Amino acid sequence: MKRLTYVLLCFAISIGMAVAQNTRVTGTVLSADDGEPVIGASVMVKGTAIGTITNIDGQFELNVPSSSRTLMIS
């Protein structure tokens, strides 16, 4: 019985770890007009409430769920 409980616990933990994996995404937002960094641009993961804004150098850092593929920048 203890062994079965242990196996089920390990299985549940491994599923949780596989589903909850995130990818750290970093980048710089540049203006298409002049190539200068865009300060305060909004960077969002499409279909979620996960987002951030760029710093004074136009750089951002974001933890994105591995299931997401698209960033929206405005």
PDB file of N, CA and C in Angstrom:
ATOM      1  N   MET A   1       0.826  -1.188   0.000  1.00  0.00           N
ATOM      2  CA  MET A   1       0.000   0.000   0.000  1.00  0.00           C
ATOM      3  C   MET A   1       0.874   1.256   0.000  1.00  0.00           C
ATOM      4  N   LYS A   2       1.942   1.239   0.795  1.00  0.00           N
ATOM      5  CA  LYS A   2       2.831   2.401   0.849  1.00  0.00           C
ATOM      6  C   LYS A   2       3.508   2.624  -0.501  1.00  0.00           C
ATOM      7  N   ARG A   3       3.864   1.524  -1.147  1.00  0.00           N
ATOM      8  CA  ARG A   3       4.543   1.633  -2.439  1.00  0.00           C
ATOM      9  C   ARG A   3       3.604   2.225  -3.494  1.00  0.00           C
ATOM     10  N   LEU A   4       2.357   1.813  -3.503  1.00  0.00           N
ATOM     11  CA  LEU A   4       1.369   2.344  -4.425  1.00  0.00           C
ATOM     12  C   LEU A   4       1.150   3.843  -4.183  1.00  0.00           C
ATOM     13  N   THR A   5       1.064   4.236  -2.941  1.00  0.00           N
ATOM     14  CA  THR A   5       0.906   5.650  -2.595  1.00  0.00           C
ATOM     15  C   THR A   5       2.104   6.452  -3.078  1.00  0.00           C
ATOM     16  N   TYR A   6       3.285   5.927  -2.886  1.00  0.00           N
ATOM     17  CA  TYR A   6       4.506   6.594  -3.326  1.00  0.00           C
ATOM     18  C   TYR A   6       4.538   6.754  -4.845  1.00  0.00           C
ATOM     19  N   VAL A   7       4.172   5.712  -5.569  1.00  0.00           N
ATOM     20  CA  VAL A   7       4.152   5.760  -7.038  1.00  0.00           C
ATOM     21  C   VAL A   7       3.137   6.793  -7.521  1.00  0.00           C
ATOM     22  N   LEU A   8       1.948   6.811  -6.928  1.00  0.00           N
ATOM     23  CA  LEU A   8       0.927   7.778  -7.323  1.00  0.00           C
ATOM     24  C   LEU A   8       1.359   9.207  -7.013  1.00  0.00           C
ATOM     25  N   LEU A   9       2.027   9.412  -5.896  1.00  0.00           N
ATOM     26  CA  LEU A   9       2.528  10.740  -5.532  1.00  0.00           C
ATOM     27  C   LEU A   9       3.581  11.214  -6.529  1.00  0.00           C
ATOM     28  N   CYS A  10       4.499  10.349  -6.890  1.00  0.00           N
ATOM     29  CA  CYS A  10       5.531  10.697  -7.878  1.00  0.00           C
ATOM     30  C   CYS A  10       4.901  11.008  -9.232  1.00  0.00           C
ATOM     31  N   PHE A  11       3.897  10.248  -9.614  1.00  0.00           N
ATOM     32  CA  PHE A  11       3.205  10.479 -10.877  1.00  0.00           C
ATOM     33  C   PHE A  11       2.520  11.844 -10.877  1.00  0.00           C
ATOM     34  N   ALA A  12       1.857  12.182  -9.794  1.00  0.00           N
ATOM     35  CA  ALA A  12       1.156  13.467  -9.702  1.00  0.00           C
ATOM     36  C   ALA A  12       2.139  14.637  -9.741  1.00  0.00           C
ATOM     37  N   ILE A  13       3.257  14.505  -9.073  1.00  0.00           N
ATOM     38  CA  ILE A  13       4.273  15.565  -9.070  1.00  0.00           C
ATOM     39  C   ILE A  13       4.873  15.740 -10.462  1.00  0.00           C
ATOM     40  N   SER A  14       5.150  14.649 -11.139  1.00  0.00           N
ATOM     41  CA  SER A  14       5.759  14.749 -12.467  1.00  0.00           C
ATOM     42  C   SER A  14       4.800  15.384 -13.473  1.00  0.00           C
ATOM     43  N   ILE A  15       3.522  15.107 -13.378  1.00  0.00           N
ATOM     44  CA  ILE A  15       2.542  15.749 -14.263  1.00  0.00           C
ATOM     45  C   ILE A  15       2.480  17.244 -13.970  1.00  0.00           C
ATOM     46  N   GLY A  16       2.473  17.596 -12.713  1.00  0.00           N
ATOM     47  CA  GLY A  16       2.451  19.006 -12.337  1.00  0.00           C
ATOM     48  C   GLY A  16       3.671  19.753 -12.840  1.00  0.00           C
ATOM     49  N   MET A  17       4.826  19.138 -12.787  1.00  0.00           N
ATOM     50  CA  MET A  17       6.052  19.775 -13.260  1.00  0.00           C
ATOM     51  C   MET A  17       6.031  19.917 -14.780  1.00  0.00           C
ATOM     52  N   ALA A  18       5.488  18.947 -15.487  1.00  0.00           N
ATOM     53  CA  ALA A  18       5.443  19.007 -16.946  1.00  0.00           C
ATOM     54  C   ALA A  18       4.487  20.093 -17.424  1.00  0.00           C
ATOM     55  N   VAL A  19       3.385  20.285 -16.734  1.00  0.00           N
ATOM     56  CA  VAL A  19       2.396  21.275 -17.126  1.00  0.00           C
ATOM     57  C   VAL A  19       2.842  22.686 -16.772  1.00  0.00           C
ATOM     58  N   ALA A  20       3.561  22.849 -15.691  1.00  0.00           N
ATOM     59  CA  ALA A  20       3.896  24.171 -15.176  1.00  0.00           C
ATOM     60  C   ALA A  20       5.222  24.717 -15.683  1.00  0.00           C
ATOM     61  N   GLN A  21       5.765  24.190 -16.747  1.00  0.00           N
ATOM     62  CA  GLN A  21       7.055  24.658 -17.226  1.00  0.00           C
ATOM     63  C   GLN A  21       6.912  25.998 -17.933  1.00  0.00           C
ATOM     64  N   ASN A  22       7.824  26.903 -17.606  1.00  0.00           N
ATOM     65  CA  ASN A  22       7.872  28.228 -18.207  1.00  0.00           C
ATOM     66  C   ASN A  22       9.189  28.411 -18.923  1.00  0.00           C
ATOM     67  N   THR A  23       9.183  29.316 -19.873  1.00  0.00           N
ATOM     68  CA  THR A  23      10.384  29.677 -20.599  1.00  0.00           C
ATOM     69  C   THR A  23      10.653  31.152 -20.351  1.00  0.00           C
ATOM     70  N   ARG A  24      11.881  31.483 -20.013  1.00  0.00           N
ATOM     71  CA  ARG A  24      12.255  32.875 -19.792  1.00  0.00           C
ATOM     72  C   ARG A  24      12.574  33.500 -21.147  1.00  0.00           C
ATOM     73  N   VAL A  25      11.853  34.565 -21.481  1.00  0.00           N
ATOM     74  CA  VAL A  25      12.042  35.259 -22.756  1.00  0.00           C
ATOM     75  C   VAL A  25      12.558  36.664 -22.456  1.00  0.00           C
ATOM     76  N   THR A  26      13.636  37.049 -23.120  1.00  0.00           N
ATOM     77  CA  THR A  26      14.163  38.400 -22.997  1.00  0.00           C
ATOM     78  C   THR A  26      14.304  38.983 -24.393  1.00  0.00           C
ATOM     79  N   GLY A  27      14.288  40.296 -24.473  1.00  0.00           N
ATOM     80  CA  GLY A  27      14.444  40.921 -25.777  1.00  0.00           C
ATOM     81  C   GLY A  27      14.481  42.423 -25.676  1.00  0.00           C
ATOM     82  N   THR A  28      14.588  43.060 -26.822  1.00  0.00           N
ATOM     83  CA  THR A  28      14.599  44.514 -26.928  1.00  0.00           C
ATOM     84  C   THR A  28      13.599  44.916 -27.992  1.00  0.00           C
ATOM     85  N   VAL A  29      12.766  45.888 -27.661  1.00  0.00           N
ATOM     86  CA  VAL A  29      11.787  46.403 -28.609  1.00  0.00           C
ATOM     87  C   VAL A  29      12.394  47.653 -29.246  1.00  0.00           C
ATOM     88  N   LEU A  30      12.492  47.619 -30.583  1.00  0.00           N
ATOM     89  CA  LEU A  30      13.053  48.739 -31.331  1.00  0.00           C
ATOM     90  C   LEU A  30      11.998  49.330 -32.254  1.00  0.00           C
ATOM     91  N   SER A  31      12.071  50.636 -32.457  1.00  0.00           N
ATOM     92  CA  SER A  31      11.162  51.324 -33.357  1.00  0.00           C
ATOM     93  C   SER A  31      11.467  50.938 -34.802  1.00  0.00           C
ATOM     94  N   ALA A  32      10.420  50.684 -35.581  1.00  0.00           N
ATOM     95  CA  ALA A  32      10.600  50.358 -37.004  1.00  0.00           C
ATOM     96  C   ALA A  32      11.033  51.587 -37.797  1.00  0.00           C
ATOM     97  N   ASP A  33      10.718  52.777 -37.293  1.00  0.00           N
ATOM     98  CA  ASP A  33      11.049  54.014 -38.006  1.00  0.00           C
ATOM     99  C   ASP A  33      12.528  54.347 -37.955  1.00  0.00           C
ATOM    100  N   ASP A  34      13.095  54.349 -36.731  1.00  0.00           N
ATOM    101  CA  ASP A  34      14.478  54.806 -36.592  1.00  0.00           C
ATOM    102  C   ASP A  34      15.404  53.820 -35.889  1.00  0.00           C
ATOM    103  N   GLY A  35      14.883  52.664 -35.474  1.00  0.00           N
ATOM    104  CA  GLY A  35      15.722  51.661 -34.836  1.00  0.00           C
ATOM    105  C   GLY A  35      16.098  51.968 -33.395  1.00  0.00           C
ATOM    106  N   GLU A  36      15.474  52.981 -32.806  1.00  0.00           N
ATOM    107  CA  GLU A  36      15.741  53.354 -31.417  1.00  0.00           C
ATOM    108  C   GLU A  36      14.911  52.488 -30.467  1.00  0.00           C
ATOM    109  N   PRO A  37      15.410  52.263 -29.231  1.00  0.00           N
ATOM    110  CA  PRO A  37      14.642  51.483 -28.249  1.00  0.00           C
ATOM    111  C   PRO A  37      13.330  52.173 -27.899  1.00  0.00           C
ATOM    112  N   VAL A  38      12.288  51.370 -27.695  1.00  0.00           N
ATOM    113  CA  VAL A  38      10.975  51.899 -27.319  1.00  0.00           C
ATOM    114  C   VAL A  38      10.823  51.766 -25.809  1.00  0.00           C
ATOM    115  N   ILE A  39      10.726  52.894 -25.127  1.00  0.00           N
ATOM    116  CA  ILE A  39      10.588  52.927 -23.667  1.00  0.00           C
ATOM    117  C   ILE A  39       9.110  52.757 -23.307  1.00  0.00           C
ATOM    118  N   GLY A  40       8.802  51.855 -22.368  1.00  0.00           N
ATOM    119  CA  GLY A  40       7.441  51.681 -21.872  1.00  0.00           C
ATOM    120  C   GLY A  40       6.505  50.939 -22.805  1.00  0.00           C
ATOM    121  N   ALA A  41       7.033  50.191 -23.759  1.00  0.00           N
ATOM    122  CA  ALA A  41       6.170  49.384 -24.637  1.00  0.00           C
ATOM    123  C   ALA A  41       5.579  48.230 -23.829  1.00  0.00           C
ATOM    124  N   SER A  42       4.346  47.894 -24.115  1.00  0.00           N
ATOM    125  CA  SER A  42       3.671  46.782 -23.454  1.00  0.00           C
ATOM    126  C   SER A  42       3.984  45.487 -24.202  1.00  0.00           C
ATOM    127  N   VAL A  43       4.442  44.480 -23.467  1.00  0.00           N
ATOM    128  CA  VAL A  43       4.739  43.166 -24.040  1.00  0.00           C
ATOM    129  C   VAL A  43       3.852  42.160 -23.314  1.00  0.00           C
ATOM    130  N   MET A  44       2.916  41.534 -24.048  1.00  0.00           N
ATOM    131  CA  MET A  44       1.959  40.603 -23.460  1.00  0.00           C
ATOM    132  C   MET A  44       2.032  39.248 -24.149  1.00  0.00           C
ATOM    133  N   VAL A  45       1.755  38.189 -23.390  1.00  0.00           N
ATOM    134  CA  VAL A  45       1.623  36.845 -23.954  1.00  0.00           C
ATOM    135  C   VAL A  45       0.194  36.726 -24.464  1.00  0.00           C
ATOM    136  N   LYS A  46       0.040  36.447 -25.745  1.00  0.00           N
ATOM    137  CA  LYS A  46      -1.281  36.389 -26.375  1.00  0.00           C
ATOM    138  C   LYS A  46      -2.164  35.355 -25.683  1.00  0.00           C
ATOM    139  N   GLY A  47      -3.399  35.781 -25.358  1.00  0.00           N
ATOM    140  CA  GLY A  47      -4.373  34.889 -24.743  1.00  0.00           C
ATOM    141  C   GLY A  47      -4.235  34.730 -23.242  1.00  0.00           C
ATOM    142  N   THR A  48      -3.323  35.520 -22.610  1.00  0.00           N
ATOM    143  CA  THR A  48      -3.149  35.450 -21.158  1.00  0.00           C
ATOM    144  C   THR A  48      -3.117  36.861 -20.583  1.00  0.00           C
ATOM    145  N   ALA A  49      -3.009  36.940 -19.269  1.00  0.00           N
ATOM    146  CA  ALA A  49      -2.839  38.228 -18.592  1.00  0.00           C
ATOM    147  C   ALA A  49      -1.375  38.451 -18.217  1.00  0.00           C
ATOM    148  N   ILE A  50      -0.479  37.655 -18.755  1.00  0.00           N
ATOM    149  CA  ILE A  50       0.943  37.750 -18.446  1.00  0.00           C
ATOM    150  C   ILE A  50       1.565  38.827 -19.326  1.00  0.00           C
ATOM    151  N   GLY A  51       2.243  39.772 -18.688  1.00  0.00           N
ATOM    152  CA  GLY A  51       2.860  40.827 -19.471  1.00  0.00           C
ATOM    153  C   GLY A  51       3.833  41.650 -18.664  1.00  0.00           C
ATOM    154  N   THR A  52       4.493  42.570 -19.349  1.00  0.00           N
ATOM    155  CA  THR A  52       5.460  43.470 -18.728  1.00  0.00           C
ATOM    156  C   THR A  52       5.600  44.697 -19.614  1.00  0.00           C
ATOM    157  N   ILE A  53       6.415  45.651 -19.186  1.00  0.00           N
ATOM    158  CA  ILE A  53       6.725  46.801 -20.026  1.00  0.00           C
ATOM    159  C   ILE A  53       8.238  46.890 -20.193  1.00  0.00           C
ATOM    160  N   THR A  54       8.665  47.553 -21.259  1.00  0.00           N
ATOM    161  CA  THR A  54      10.093  47.679 -21.524  1.00  0.00           C
ATOM    162  C   THR A  54      10.704  48.764 -20.638  1.00  0.00           C
ATOM    163  N   ASN A  55      12.001  48.623 -20.370  1.00  0.00           N
ATOM    164  CA  ASN A  55      12.707  49.603 -19.548  1.00  0.00           C
ATOM    165  C   ASN A  55      13.226  50.754 -20.404  1.00  0.00           C
ATOM    166  N   ILE A  56      14.074  51.577 -19.856  1.00  0.00           N
ATOM    167  CA  ILE A  56      14.594  52.757 -20.548  1.00  0.00           C
ATOM    168  C   ILE A  56      15.434  52.398 -21.780  1.00  0.00           C
ATOM    169  N   ASP A  57      15.956  51.178 -21.815  1.00  0.00           N
ATOM    170  CA  ASP A  57      16.742  50.714 -22.958  1.00  0.00           C
ATOM    171  C   ASP A  57      15.905  49.887 -23.938  1.00  0.00           C
ATOM    172  N   GLY A  58      14.580  49.808 -23.706  1.00  0.00           N
ATOM    173  CA  GLY A  58      13.698  49.035 -24.570  1.00  0.00           C
ATOM    174  C   GLY A  58      13.736  47.545 -24.300  1.00  0.00           C
ATOM    175  N   GLN A  59      14.379  47.134 -23.213  1.00  0.00           N
ATOM    176  CA  GLN A  59      14.538  45.704 -22.913  1.00  0.00           C
ATOM    177  C   GLN A  59      13.414  45.203 -22.009  1.00  0.00           C
ATOM    178  N   PHE A  60      13.095  43.914 -22.164  1.00  0.00           N
ATOM    179  CA  PHE A  60      12.084  43.279 -21.319  1.00  0.00           C
ATOM    180  C   PHE A  60      12.524  41.865 -20.970  1.00  0.00           C
ATOM    181  N   GLU A  61      11.902  41.335 -19.916  1.00  0.00           N
ATOM    182  CA  GLU A  61      12.124  39.965 -19.462  1.00  0.00           C
ATOM    183  C   GLU A  61      10.778  39.429 -19.014  1.00  0.00           C
ATOM    184  N   LEU A  62      10.445  38.210 -19.454  1.00  0.00           N
ATOM    185  CA  LEU A  62       9.117  37.675 -19.210  1.00  0.00           C
ATOM    186  C   LEU A  62       9.181  36.161 -19.088  1.00  0.00           C
ATOM    187  N   ASN A  63       8.464  35.598 -18.115  1.00  0.00           N
ATOM    188  CA  ASN A  63       8.334  34.147 -17.993  1.00  0.00           C
ATOM    189  C   ASN A  63       7.070  33.730 -18.739  1.00  0.00           C
ATOM    190  N   VAL A  64       7.254  32.963 -19.807  1.00  0.00           N
ATOM    191  CA  VAL A  64       6.166  32.589 -20.710  1.00  0.00           C
ATOM    192  C   VAL A  64       5.876  31.106 -20.559  1.00  0.00           C
ATOM    193  N   PRO A  65       4.595  30.720 -20.416  1.00  0.00           N
ATOM    194  CA  PRO A  65       4.261  29.299 -20.382  1.00  0.00           C
ATOM    195  C   PRO A  65       4.733  28.613 -21.668  1.00  0.00           C
ATOM    196  N   SER A  66       5.217  27.402 -21.542  1.00  0.00           N
ATOM    197  CA  SER A  66       5.765  26.698 -22.705  1.00  0.00           C
ATOM    198  C   SER A  66       4.720  26.438 -23.781  1.00  0.00           C
ATOM    199  N   SER A  67       3.448  26.498 -23.429  1.00  0.00           N
ATOM    200  CA  SER A  67       2.390  26.273 -24.414  1.00  0.00           C
ATOM    201  C   SER A  67       2.104  27.514 -25.258  1.00  0.00           C
ATOM    202  N   SER A  68       2.607  28.673 -24.841  1.00  0.00           N
ATOM    203  CA  SER A  68       2.360  29.927 -25.567  1.00  0.00           C
ATOM    204  C   SER A  68       3.414  30.130 -26.645  1.00  0.00           C
ATOM    205  N   ARG A  69       3.001  30.723 -27.763  1.00  0.00           N
ATOM    206  CA  ARG A  69       3.890  30.917 -28.905  1.00  0.00           C
ATOM    207  C   ARG A  69       3.984  32.358 -29.382  1.00  0.00           C
ATOM    208  N   THR A  70       3.066  33.239 -28.950  1.00  0.00           N
ATOM    209  CA  THR A  70       2.990  34.569 -29.522  1.00  0.00           C
ATOM    210  C   THR A  70       3.055  35.661 -28.467  1.00  0.00           C
ATOM    211  N   LEU A  71       3.891  36.675 -28.716  1.00  0.00           N
ATOM    212  CA  LEU A  71       3.932  37.876 -27.895  1.00  0.00           C
ATOM    213  C   LEU A  71       3.272  39.006 -28.665  1.00  0.00           C
ATOM    214  N   MET A  72       2.529  39.855 -27.954  1.00  0.00           N
ATOM    215  CA  MET A  72       1.916  41.035 -28.553  1.00  0.00           C
ATOM    216  C   MET A  72       2.612  42.259 -27.972  1.00  0.00           C
ATOM    217  N   ILE A  73       3.054  43.154 -28.827  1.00  0.00           N
ATOM    218  CA  ILE A  73       3.780  44.344 -28.392  1.00  0.00           C
ATOM    219  C   ILE A  73       3.007  45.565 -28.864  1.00  0.00           C
ATOM    220  N   SER A  74       2.759  46.477 -27.928  1.00  0.00           N
ATOM    221  CA  SER A  74       2.058  47.715 -28.303  1.00  0.00           C
ATOM    222  C   SER A  74       2.643  48.884 -27.531  1.00  0.00           C
TER     223      SER A  74
END
